[in-house]
Amino acid sequence: MNVARDDRIVEHFKKVDIVRLRDKLVEQLCVEAGGPCRYTGDSMAESHKGQNLTPSDFNALVENLIAAMDTENVPVPVQNRLIARLAPMRGDVVGK
């Protein structure tokens, strides 16, 4: 994912440790994909508290995730299952 270079959402990542963000995203995606990982980051609600992210911001992140999975040749059905597992987190992210 290249969220730090996406003009639509880059402002939200200016003060973020991008390496840590990447590491936590990898952990979270591994857990959601059913891997043998453990997520060690903050909850989604805590991580996004006070950011007042919009639905468009959330969608931009999802689009970045899909583009990254496309780059890695992740089959579309697998992408869809992962996105479906992540979708419930939207409520912990948008408008918080």
PDB file of N, CA and C in Angstrom:
ATOM      1  N   MET A   1       0.847  -1.177   0.000  1.00  0.00           N
ATOM      2  CA  MET A   1       0.000   0.000   0.000  1.00  0.00           C
ATOM      3  C   MET A   1       0.885   1.230   0.000  1.00  0.00           C
ATOM      4  N   ASN A   2       0.351   2.252  -0.590  1.00  0.00           N
ATOM      5  CA  ASN A   2       1.131   3.463  -0.704  1.00  0.00           C
ATOM      6  C   ASN A   2       0.338   4.660  -0.193  1.00  0.00           C
ATOM      7  N   VAL A   3      -0.199   4.534   1.002  1.00  0.00           N
ATOM      8  CA  VAL A   3      -1.058   5.580   1.553  1.00  0.00           C
ATOM      9  C   VAL A   3      -0.315   6.886   1.775  1.00  0.00           C
ATOM     10  N   ALA A   4       0.980   6.811   2.016  1.00  0.00           N
ATOM     11  CA  ALA A   4       1.761   8.022   2.268  1.00  0.00           C
ATOM     12  C   ALA A   4       1.979   8.845   1.001  1.00  0.00           C
ATOM     13  N   ARG A   5       1.610   8.282  -0.138  1.00  0.00           N
ATOM     14  CA  ARG A   5       1.766   9.006  -1.409  1.00  0.00           C
ATOM     15  C   ARG A   5       0.434   9.263  -2.106  1.00  0.00           C
ATOM     16  N   ASP A   6      -0.646   8.938  -1.443  1.00  0.00           N
ATOM     17  CA  ASP A   6      -1.975   9.138  -2.024  1.00  0.00           C
ATOM     18  C   ASP A   6      -2.455  10.536  -1.631  1.00  0.00           C
ATOM     19  N   ASP A   7      -2.538  11.429  -2.601  1.00  0.00           N
ATOM     20  CA  ASP A   7      -2.914  12.819  -2.331  1.00  0.00           C
ATOM     21  C   ASP A   7      -4.252  12.952  -1.613  1.00  0.00           C
ATOM     22  N   ARG A   8      -5.116  11.979  -1.770  1.00  0.00           N
ATOM     23  CA  ARG A   8      -6.438  12.054  -1.134  1.00  0.00           C
ATOM     24  C   ARG A   8      -6.347  11.911   0.379  1.00  0.00           C
ATOM     25  N   ILE A   9      -5.345  11.189   0.865  1.00  0.00           N
ATOM     26  CA  ILE A   9      -5.283  10.891   2.303  1.00  0.00           C
ATOM     27  C   ILE A   9      -3.916  11.143   2.937  1.00  0.00           C
ATOM     28  N   VAL A  10      -2.969  11.640   2.171  1.00  0.00           N
ATOM     29  CA  VAL A  10      -1.605  11.814   2.682  1.00  0.00           C
ATOM     30  C   VAL A  10      -1.558  12.704   3.926  1.00  0.00           C
ATOM     31  N   GLU A  11      -2.446  13.690   4.011  1.00  0.00           N
ATOM     32  CA  GLU A  11      -2.465  14.590   5.177  1.00  0.00           C
ATOM     33  C   GLU A  11      -2.635  13.823   6.488  1.00  0.00           C
ATOM     34  N   HIS A  12      -3.371  12.731   6.440  1.00  0.00           N
ATOM     35  CA  HIS A  12      -3.616  11.948   7.648  1.00  0.00           C
ATOM     36  C   HIS A  12      -2.384  11.184   8.111  1.00  0.00           C
ATOM     37  N   PHE A  13      -1.378  11.079   7.264  1.00  0.00           N
ATOM     38  CA  PHE A  13      -0.205  10.266   7.582  1.00  0.00           C
ATOM     39  C   PHE A  13       1.064  11.084   7.787  1.00  0.00           C
ATOM     40  N   LYS A  14       0.949  12.406   7.789  1.00  0.00           N
ATOM     41  CA  LYS A  14       2.141  13.252   7.914  1.00  0.00           C
ATOM     42  C   LYS A  14       2.871  13.062   9.238  1.00  0.00           C
ATOM     43  N   LYS A  15       2.149  12.805  10.306  1.00  0.00           N
ATOM     44  CA  LYS A  15       2.780  12.646  11.622  1.00  0.00           C
ATOM     45  C   LYS A  15       2.817  11.193  12.070  1.00  0.00           C
ATOM     46  N   VAL A  16       2.638  10.287  11.137  1.00  0.00           N
ATOM     47  CA  VAL A  16       2.569   8.857  11.449  1.00  0.00           C
ATOM     48  C   VAL A  16       3.903   8.198  11.135  1.00  0.00           C
ATOM     49  N   ASP A  17       4.319   7.306  12.005  1.00  0.00           N
ATOM     50  CA  ASP A  17       5.501   6.479  11.751  1.00  0.00           C
ATOM     51  C   ASP A  17       5.089   5.440  10.710  1.00  0.00           C
ATOM     52  N   ILE A  18       5.451   5.687   9.460  1.00  0.00           N
ATOM     53  CA  ILE A  18       4.993   4.849   8.348  1.00  0.00           C
ATOM     54  C   ILE A  18       5.498   3.414   8.476  1.00  0.00           C
ATOM     55  N   VAL A  19       6.703   3.233   8.970  1.00  0.00           N
ATOM     56  CA  VAL A  19       7.232   1.871   9.137  1.00  0.00           C
ATOM     57  C   VAL A  19       6.395   1.113  10.158  1.00  0.00           C
ATOM     58  N   ARG A  20       6.073   1.760  11.278  1.00  0.00           N
ATOM     59  CA  ARG A  20       5.225   1.113  12.293  1.00  0.00           C
ATOM     60  C   ARG A  20       3.838   0.838  11.721  1.00  0.00           C
ATOM     61  N   LEU A  21       3.289   1.801  10.996  1.00  0.00           N
ATOM     62  CA  LEU A  21       1.975   1.610  10.379  1.00  0.00           C
ATOM     63  C   LEU A  21       1.993   0.392   9.467  1.00  0.00           C
ATOM     64  N   ARG A  22       3.013   0.301   8.634  1.00  0.00           N
ATOM     65  CA  ARG A  22       3.127  -0.848   7.728  1.00  0.00           C
ATOM     66  C   ARG A  22       3.189  -2.150   8.519  1.00  0.00           C
ATOM     67  N   ASP A  23       4.016  -2.171   9.561  1.00  0.00           N
ATOM     68  CA  ASP A  23       4.154  -3.387  10.366  1.00  0.00           C
ATOM     69  C   ASP A  23       2.828  -3.797  11.001  1.00  0.00           C
ATOM     70  N   LYS A  24       2.084  -2.831  11.522  1.00  0.00           N
ATOM     71  CA  LYS A  24       0.804  -3.135  12.167  1.00  0.00           C
ATOM     72  C   LYS A  24      -0.240  -3.552  11.131  1.00  0.00           C
ATOM     73  N   LEU A  25      -0.201  -2.940   9.955  1.00  0.00           N
ATOM     74  CA  LEU A  25      -1.120  -3.361   8.892  1.00  0.00           C
ATOM     75  C   LEU A  25      -0.831  -4.794   8.459  1.00  0.00           C
ATOM     76  N   VAL A  26       0.440  -5.128   8.352  1.00  0.00           N
ATOM     77  CA  VAL A  26       0.808  -6.503   7.987  1.00  0.00           C
ATOM     78  C   VAL A  26       0.288  -7.472   9.043  1.00  0.00           C
ATOM     79  N   GLU A  27       0.486  -7.146  10.320  1.00  0.00           N
ATOM     80  CA  GLU A  27      -0.026  -8.010  11.390  1.00  0.00           C
ATOM     81  C   GLU A  27      -1.538  -8.168  11.281  1.00  0.00           C
ATOM     82  N   GLN A  28      -2.213  -7.042  11.129  1.00  0.00           N
ATOM     83  CA  GLN A  28      -3.672  -7.079  11.090  1.00  0.00           C
ATOM     84  C   GLN A  28      -4.191  -7.855   9.886  1.00  0.00           C
ATOM     85  N   LEU A  29      -3.601  -7.627   8.737  1.00  0.00           N
ATOM     86  CA  LEU A  29      -4.033  -8.346   7.539  1.00  0.00           C
ATOM     87  C   LEU A  29      -3.747  -9.831   7.669  1.00  0.00           C
ATOM     88  N   CYS A  30      -2.641 -10.181   8.282  1.00  0.00           N
ATOM     89  CA  CYS A  30      -2.307 -11.589   8.497  1.00  0.00           C
ATOM     90  C   CYS A  30      -3.350 -12.247   9.405  1.00  0.00           C
ATOM     91  N   VAL A  31      -3.713 -11.566  10.483  1.00  0.00           N
ATOM     92  CA  VAL A  31      -4.736 -12.101  11.394  1.00  0.00           C
ATOM     93  C   VAL A  31      -6.058 -12.267  10.653  1.00  0.00           C
ATOM     94  N   GLU A  32      -6.478 -11.222   9.936  1.00  0.00           N
ATOM     95  CA  GLU A  32      -7.763 -11.262   9.238  1.00  0.00           C
ATOM     96  C   GLU A  32      -7.783 -12.298   8.120  1.00  0.00           C
ATOM     97  N   ALA A  33      -6.614 -12.611   7.584  1.00  0.00           N
ATOM     98  CA  ALA A  33      -6.531 -13.629   6.532  1.00  0.00           C
ATOM     99  C   ALA A  33      -6.455 -15.035   7.109  1.00  0.00           C
ATOM    100  N   GLY A  34      -6.471 -15.134   8.445  1.00  0.00           N
ATOM    101  CA  GLY A  34      -6.440 -16.448   9.086  1.00  0.00           C
ATOM    102  C   GLY A  34      -5.045 -16.987   9.327  1.00  0.00           C
ATOM    103  N   GLY A  35      -4.054 -16.113   9.212  1.00  0.00           N
ATOM    104  CA  GLY A  35      -2.670 -16.542   9.422  1.00  0.00           C
ATOM    105  C   GLY A  35      -2.340 -16.740  10.890  1.00  0.00           C
ATOM    106  N   PRO A  36      -1.164 -17.247  11.134  1.00  0.00           N
ATOM    107  CA  PRO A  36      -0.755 -17.538  12.511  1.00  0.00           C
ATOM    108  C   PRO A  36      -0.150 -16.319  13.208  1.00  0.00           C
ATOM    109  N   CYS A  37      -0.695 -15.150  12.962  1.00  0.00           N
ATOM    110  CA  CYS A  37      -0.129 -13.913  13.491  1.00  0.00           C
ATOM    111  C   CYS A  37      -0.917 -13.426  14.698  1.00  0.00           C
ATOM    112  N   ARG A  38      -0.321 -12.454  15.364  1.00  0.00           N
ATOM    113  CA  ARG A  38      -0.991 -11.797  16.478  1.00  0.00           C
ATOM    114  C   ARG A  38      -0.881 -10.297  16.236  1.00  0.00           C
ATOM    115  N   TYR A  39      -2.000  -9.600  16.322  1.00  0.00           N
ATOM    116  CA  TYR A  39      -2.010  -8.154  16.149  1.00  0.00           C
ATOM    117  C   TYR A  39      -1.617  -7.508  17.465  1.00  0.00           C
ATOM    118  N   THR A  40      -0.576  -6.673  17.437  1.00  0.00           N
ATOM    119  CA  THR A  40      -0.071  -6.056  18.662  1.00  0.00           C
ATOM    120  C   THR A  40      -0.318  -4.550  18.702  1.00  0.00           C
ATOM    121  N   GLY A  41      -1.083  -4.037  17.752  1.00  0.00           N
ATOM    122  CA  GLY A  41      -1.345  -2.603  17.706  1.00  0.00           C
ATOM    123  C   GLY A  41      -2.543  -2.206  18.545  1.00  0.00           C
ATOM    124  N   ASP A  42      -2.827  -0.917  18.535  1.00  0.00           N
ATOM    125  CA  ASP A  42      -3.991  -0.383  19.232  1.00  0.00           C
ATOM    126  C   ASP A  42      -5.257  -0.802  18.497  1.00  0.00           C
ATOM    127  N   SER A  43      -6.387  -0.686  19.187  1.00  0.00           N
ATOM    128  CA  SER A  43      -7.666  -0.967  18.537  1.00  0.00           C
ATOM    129  C   SER A  43      -7.885   0.054  17.426  1.00  0.00           C
ATOM    130  N   MET A  44      -8.739  -0.283  16.490  1.00  0.00           N
ATOM    131  CA  MET A  44      -9.028   0.645  15.402  1.00  0.00           C
ATOM    132  C   MET A  44      -9.637   1.936  15.949  1.00  0.00           C
ATOM    133  N   ALA A  45     -10.515   1.816  16.928  1.00  0.00           N
ATOM    134  CA  ALA A  45     -11.138   3.006  17.510  1.00  0.00           C
ATOM    135  C   ALA A  45     -10.082   3.905  18.150  1.00  0.00           C
ATOM    136  N   GLU A  46      -9.161   3.319  18.893  1.00  0.00           N
ATOM    137  CA  GLU A  46      -8.113   4.105  19.551  1.00  0.00           C
ATOM    138  C   GLU A  46      -7.153   4.708  18.524  1.00  0.00           C
ATOM    139  N   SER A  47      -6.793   3.937  17.532  1.00  0.00           N
ATOM    140  CA  SER A  47      -5.843   4.407  16.511  1.00  0.00           C
ATOM    141  C   SER A  47      -6.371   5.593  15.712  1.00  0.00           C
ATOM    142  N   HIS A  48      -7.680   5.669  15.549  1.00  0.00           N
ATOM    143  CA  HIS A  48      -8.265   6.695  14.692  1.00  0.00           C
ATOM    144  C   HIS A  48      -9.007   7.783  15.468  1.00  0.00           C
ATOM    145  N   LYS A  49      -8.935   7.712  16.776  1.00  0.00           N
ATOM    146  CA  LYS A  49      -9.607   8.679  17.641  1.00  0.00           C
ATOM    147  C   LYS A  49      -9.141  10.107  17.330  1.00  0.00           C
ATOM    148  N   GLY A  50     -10.105  10.988  17.130  1.00  0.00           N
ATOM    149  CA  GLY A  50      -9.807  12.392  16.896  1.00  0.00           C
ATOM    150  C   GLY A  50      -9.390  12.740  15.475  1.00  0.00           C
ATOM    151  N   GLN A  51      -9.358  11.773  14.586  1.00  0.00           N
ATOM    152  CA  GLN A  51      -8.923  12.048  13.215  1.00  0.00           C
ATOM    153  C   GLN A  51     -10.065  12.493  12.310  1.00  0.00           C
ATOM    154  N   ASN A  52     -11.300  12.235  12.725  1.00  0.00           N
ATOM    155  CA  ASN A  52     -12.475  12.650  11.957  1.00  0.00           C
ATOM    156  C   ASN A  52     -12.374  12.249  10.483  1.00  0.00           C
ATOM    157  N   LEU A  53     -12.030  10.996  10.257  1.00  0.00           N
ATOM    158  CA  LEU A  53     -11.904  10.481   8.892  1.00  0.00           C
ATOM    159  C   LEU A  53     -13.274  10.364   8.235  1.00  0.00           C
ATOM    160  N   THR A  54     -13.307  10.619   6.956  1.00  0.00           N
ATOM    161  CA  THR A  54     -14.551  10.576   6.195  1.00  0.00           C
ATOM    162  C   THR A  54     -14.704   9.225   5.503  1.00  0.00           C
ATOM    163  N   PRO A  55     -15.910   8.934   5.033  1.00  0.00           N
ATOM    164  CA  PRO A  55     -16.077   7.724   4.225  1.00  0.00           C
ATOM    165  C   PRO A  55     -15.138   7.713   3.014  1.00  0.00           C
ATOM    166  N   SER A  56     -14.904   8.873   2.410  1.00  0.00           N
ATOM    167  CA  SER A  56     -13.990   8.949   1.261  1.00  0.00           C
ATOM    168  C   SER A  56     -12.561   8.589   1.661  1.00  0.00           C
ATOM    169  N   ASP A  57     -12.144   9.018   2.852  1.00  0.00           N
ATOM    170  CA  ASP A  57     -10.810   8.655   3.348  1.00  0.00           C
ATOM    171  C   ASP A  57     -10.701   7.140   3.507  1.00  0.00           C
ATOM    172  N   PHE A  58     -11.715   6.556   4.104  1.00  0.00           N
ATOM    173  CA  PHE A  58     -11.726   5.105   4.319  1.00  0.00           C
ATOM    174  C   PHE A  58     -11.680   4.376   2.977  1.00  0.00           C
ATOM    175  N   ASN A  59     -12.490   4.829   2.037  1.00  0.00           N
ATOM    176  CA  ASN A  59     -12.523   4.194   0.718  1.00  0.00           C
ATOM    177  C   ASN A  59     -11.178   4.308   0.006  1.00  0.00           C
ATOM    178  N   ALA A  60     -10.495   5.437   0.173  1.00  0.00           N
ATOM    179  CA  ALA A  60      -9.176   5.606  -0.447  1.00  0.00           C
ATOM    180  C   ALA A  60      -8.190   4.589   0.112  1.00  0.00           C
ATOM    181  N   LEU A  61      -8.241   4.351   1.414  1.00  0.00           N
ATOM    182  CA  LEU A  61      -7.358   3.348   2.015  1.00  0.00           C
ATOM    183  C   LEU A  61      -7.667   1.967   1.454  1.00  0.00           C
ATOM    184  N   VAL A  62      -8.945   1.646   1.344  1.00  0.00           N
ATOM    185  CA  VAL A  62      -9.342   0.349   0.788  1.00  0.00           C
ATOM    186  C   VAL A  62      -8.859   0.226  -0.660  1.00  0.00           C
ATOM    187  N   GLU A  63      -8.981   1.292  -1.428  1.00  0.00           N
ATOM    188  CA  GLU A  63      -8.498   1.262  -2.815  1.00  0.00           C
ATOM    189  C   GLU A  63      -6.991   1.013  -2.866  1.00  0.00           C
ATOM    190  N   ASN A  64      -6.247   1.602  -1.927  1.00  0.00           N
ATOM    191  CA  ASN A  64      -4.804   1.352  -1.852  1.00  0.00           C
ATOM    192  C   ASN A  64      -4.521  -0.103  -1.510  1.00  0.00           C
ATOM    193  N   LEU A  65      -5.303  -0.658  -0.612  1.00  0.00           N
ATOM    194  CA  LEU A  65      -5.134  -2.064  -0.241  1.00  0.00           C
ATOM    195  C   LEU A  65      -5.401  -2.970  -1.446  1.00  0.00           C
ATOM    196  N   ILE A  66      -6.467  -2.697  -2.167  1.00  0.00           N
ATOM    197  CA  ILE A  66      -6.796  -3.502  -3.350  1.00  0.00           C
ATOM    198  C   ILE A  66      -5.684  -3.390  -4.394  1.00  0.00           C
ATOM    199  N   ALA A  67      -5.174  -2.191  -4.615  1.00  0.00           N
ATOM    200  CA  ALA A  67      -4.085  -2.009  -5.581  1.00  0.00           C
ATOM    201  C   ALA A  67      -2.851  -2.801  -5.160  1.00  0.00           C
ATOM    202  N   ALA A  68      -2.553  -2.808  -3.859  1.00  0.00           N
ATOM    203  CA  ALA A  68      -1.401  -3.573  -3.366  1.00  0.00           C
ATOM    204  C   ALA A  68      -1.619  -5.065  -3.572  1.00  0.00           C
ATOM    205  N   MET A  69      -2.836  -5.534  -3.317  1.00  0.00           N
ATOM    206  CA  MET A  69      -3.118  -6.954  -3.524  1.00  0.00           C
ATOM    207  C   MET A  69      -3.057  -7.308  -5.003  1.00  0.00           C
ATOM    208  N   ASP A  70      -3.528  -6.412  -5.859  1.00  0.00           N
ATOM    209  CA  ASP A  70      -3.416  -6.636  -7.308  1.00  0.00           C
ATOM    210  C   ASP A  70      -1.951  -6.755  -7.719  1.00  0.00           C
ATOM    211  N   THR A  71      -1.117  -5.868  -7.194  1.00  0.00           N
ATOM    212  CA  THR A  71       0.316  -5.893  -7.499  1.00  0.00           C
ATOM    213  C   THR A  71       0.946  -7.221  -7.101  1.00  0.00           C
ATOM    214  N   GLU A  72       0.463  -7.786  -6.000  1.00  0.00           N
ATOM    215  CA  GLU A  72       0.999  -9.058  -5.501  1.00  0.00           C
ATOM    216  C   GLU A  72       0.264 -10.266  -6.080  1.00  0.00           C
ATOM    217  N   ASN A  73      -0.605 -10.012  -7.055  1.00  0.00           N
ATOM    218  CA  ASN A  73      -1.357 -11.079  -7.734  1.00  0.00           C
ATOM    219  C   ASN A  73      -2.219 -11.915  -6.785  1.00  0.00           C
ATOM    220  N   VAL A  74      -2.779 -11.260  -5.778  1.00  0.00           N
ATOM    221  CA  VAL A  74      -3.720 -11.938  -4.888  1.00  0.00           C
ATOM    222  C   VAL A  74      -5.011 -12.140  -5.679  1.00  0.00           C
ATOM    223  N   PRO A  75      -5.517 -13.365  -5.755  1.00  0.00           N
ATOM    224  CA  PRO A  75      -6.745 -13.613  -6.517  1.00  0.00           C
ATOM    225  C   PRO A  75      -7.919 -12.778  -5.988  1.00  0.00           C
ATOM    226  N   VAL A  76      -8.748 -12.310  -6.898  1.00  0.00           N
ATOM    227  CA  VAL A  76      -9.875 -11.447  -6.531  1.00  0.00           C
ATOM    228  C   VAL A  76     -10.782 -12.085  -5.477  1.00  0.00           C
ATOM    229  N   PRO A  77     -11.119 -13.379  -5.551  1.00  0.00           N
ATOM    230  CA  PRO A  77     -11.955 -13.951  -4.491  1.00  0.00           C
ATOM    231  C   PRO A  77     -11.303 -13.859  -3.102  1.00  0.00           C
ATOM    232  N   VAL A  78      -9.996 -13.995  -3.051  1.00  0.00           N
ATOM    233  CA  VAL A  78      -9.274 -13.866  -1.776  1.00  0.00           C
ATOM    234  C   VAL A  78      -9.319 -12.411  -1.317  1.00  0.00           C
ATOM    235  N   GLN A  79      -9.133 -11.485  -2.245  1.00  0.00           N
ATOM    236  CA  GLN A  79      -9.238 -10.060  -1.911  1.00  0.00           C
ATOM    237  C   GLN A  79     -10.618  -9.752  -1.334  1.00  0.00           C
ATOM    238  N   ASN A  80     -11.648 -10.262  -1.981  1.00  0.00           N
ATOM    239  CA  ASN A  80     -13.017  -9.997  -1.534  1.00  0.00           C
ATOM    240  C   ASN A  80     -13.262 -10.523  -0.126  1.00  0.00           C
ATOM    241  N   ARG A  81     -12.743 -11.715   0.169  1.00  0.00           N
ATOM    242  CA  ARG A  81     -12.915 -12.271   1.519  1.00  0.00           C
ATOM    243  C   ARG A  81     -12.204 -11.412   2.561  1.00  0.00           C
ATOM    244  N   LEU A  82     -11.005 -10.948   2.236  1.00  0.00           N
ATOM    245  CA  LEU A  82     -10.260 -10.118   3.178  1.00  0.00           C
ATOM    246  C   LEU A  82     -10.961  -8.779   3.393  1.00  0.00           C
ATOM    247  N   ILE A  83     -11.400  -8.152   2.323  1.00  0.00           N
ATOM    248  CA  ILE A  83     -12.115  -6.874   2.441  1.00  0.00           C
ATOM    249  C   ILE A  83     -13.386  -7.057   3.267  1.00  0.00           C
ATOM    250  N   ALA A  84     -14.084  -8.156   3.074  1.00  0.00           N
ATOM    251  CA  ALA A  84     -15.301  -8.427   3.851  1.00  0.00           C
ATOM    252  C   ALA A  84     -14.986  -8.560   5.337  1.00  0.00           C
ATOM    253  N   ARG A  85     -13.838  -9.112   5.667  1.00  0.00           N
ATOM    254  CA  ARG A  85     -13.446  -9.249   7.080  1.00  0.00           C
ATOM    255  C   ARG A  85     -13.037  -7.908   7.675  1.00  0.00           C
ATOM    256  N   LEU A  86     -12.514  -7.022   6.849  1.00  0.00           N
ATOM    257  CA  LEU A  86     -12.085  -5.709   7.331  1.00  0.00           C
ATOM    258  C   LEU A  86     -13.234  -4.699   7.387  1.00  0.00           C
ATOM    259  N   ALA A  87     -14.258  -4.897   6.582  1.00  0.00           N
ATOM    260  CA  ALA A  87     -15.358  -3.931   6.457  1.00  0.00           C
ATOM    261  C   ALA A  87     -16.005  -3.542   7.784  1.00  0.00           C
ATOM    262  N   PRO A  88     -16.215  -4.473   8.728  1.00  0.00           N
ATOM    263  CA  PRO A  88     -16.831  -4.073   9.989  1.00  0.00           C
ATOM    264  C   PRO A  88     -16.021  -3.050  10.792  1.00  0.00           C
ATOM    265  N   MET A  89     -14.747  -2.905  10.488  1.00  0.00           N
ATOM    266  CA  MET A  89     -13.907  -1.932  11.196  1.00  0.00           C
ATOM    267  C   MET A  89     -14.216  -0.499  10.775  1.00  0.00           C
ATOM    268  N   ARG A  90     -14.947  -0.350   9.698  1.00  0.00           N
ATOM    269  CA  ARG A  90     -15.270   0.987   9.186  1.00  0.00           C
ATOM    270  C   ARG A  90     -15.892   1.862  10.271  1.00  0.00           C
ATOM    271  N   GLY A  91     -16.772   1.275  11.054  1.00  0.00           N
ATOM    272  CA  GLY A  91     -17.435   2.029  12.113  1.00  0.00           C
ATOM    273  C   GLY A  91     -16.500   2.515  13.207  1.00  0.00           C
ATOM    274  N   ASP A  92     -15.359   1.857  13.358  1.00  0.00           N
ATOM    275  CA  ASP A  92     -14.363   2.269  14.348  1.00  0.00           C
ATOM    276  C   ASP A  92     -13.410   3.322  13.798  1.00  0.00           C
ATOM    277  N   VAL A  93     -13.498   3.588  12.501  1.00  0.00           N
ATOM    278  CA  VAL A  93     -12.543   4.472  11.835  1.00  0.00           C
ATOM    279  C   VAL A  93     -13.203   5.772  11.369  1.00  0.00           C
ATOM    280  N   VAL A  94     -14.324   5.681  10.701  1.00  0.00           N
ATOM    281  CA  VAL A  94     -14.967   6.847  10.089  1.00  0.00           C
ATOM    282  C   VAL A  94     -15.657   7.704  11.148  1.00  0.00           C
ATOM    283  N   GLY A  95     -15.368   9.011  11.097  1.00  0.00           N
ATOM    284  CA  GLY A  95     -16.034   9.972  11.968  1.00  0.00           C
ATOM    285  C   GLY A  95     -15.591   9.956  13.411  1.00  0.00           C
ATOM    286  N   LYS A  96     -14.501   9.339  13.709  1.00  0.00           N
ATOM    287  CA  LYS A  96     -14.037   9.242  15.110  1.00  0.00           C
ATOM    288  C   LYS A  96     -13.065  10.347  15.453  1.00  0.00           C
TER     289      LYS A  96
END
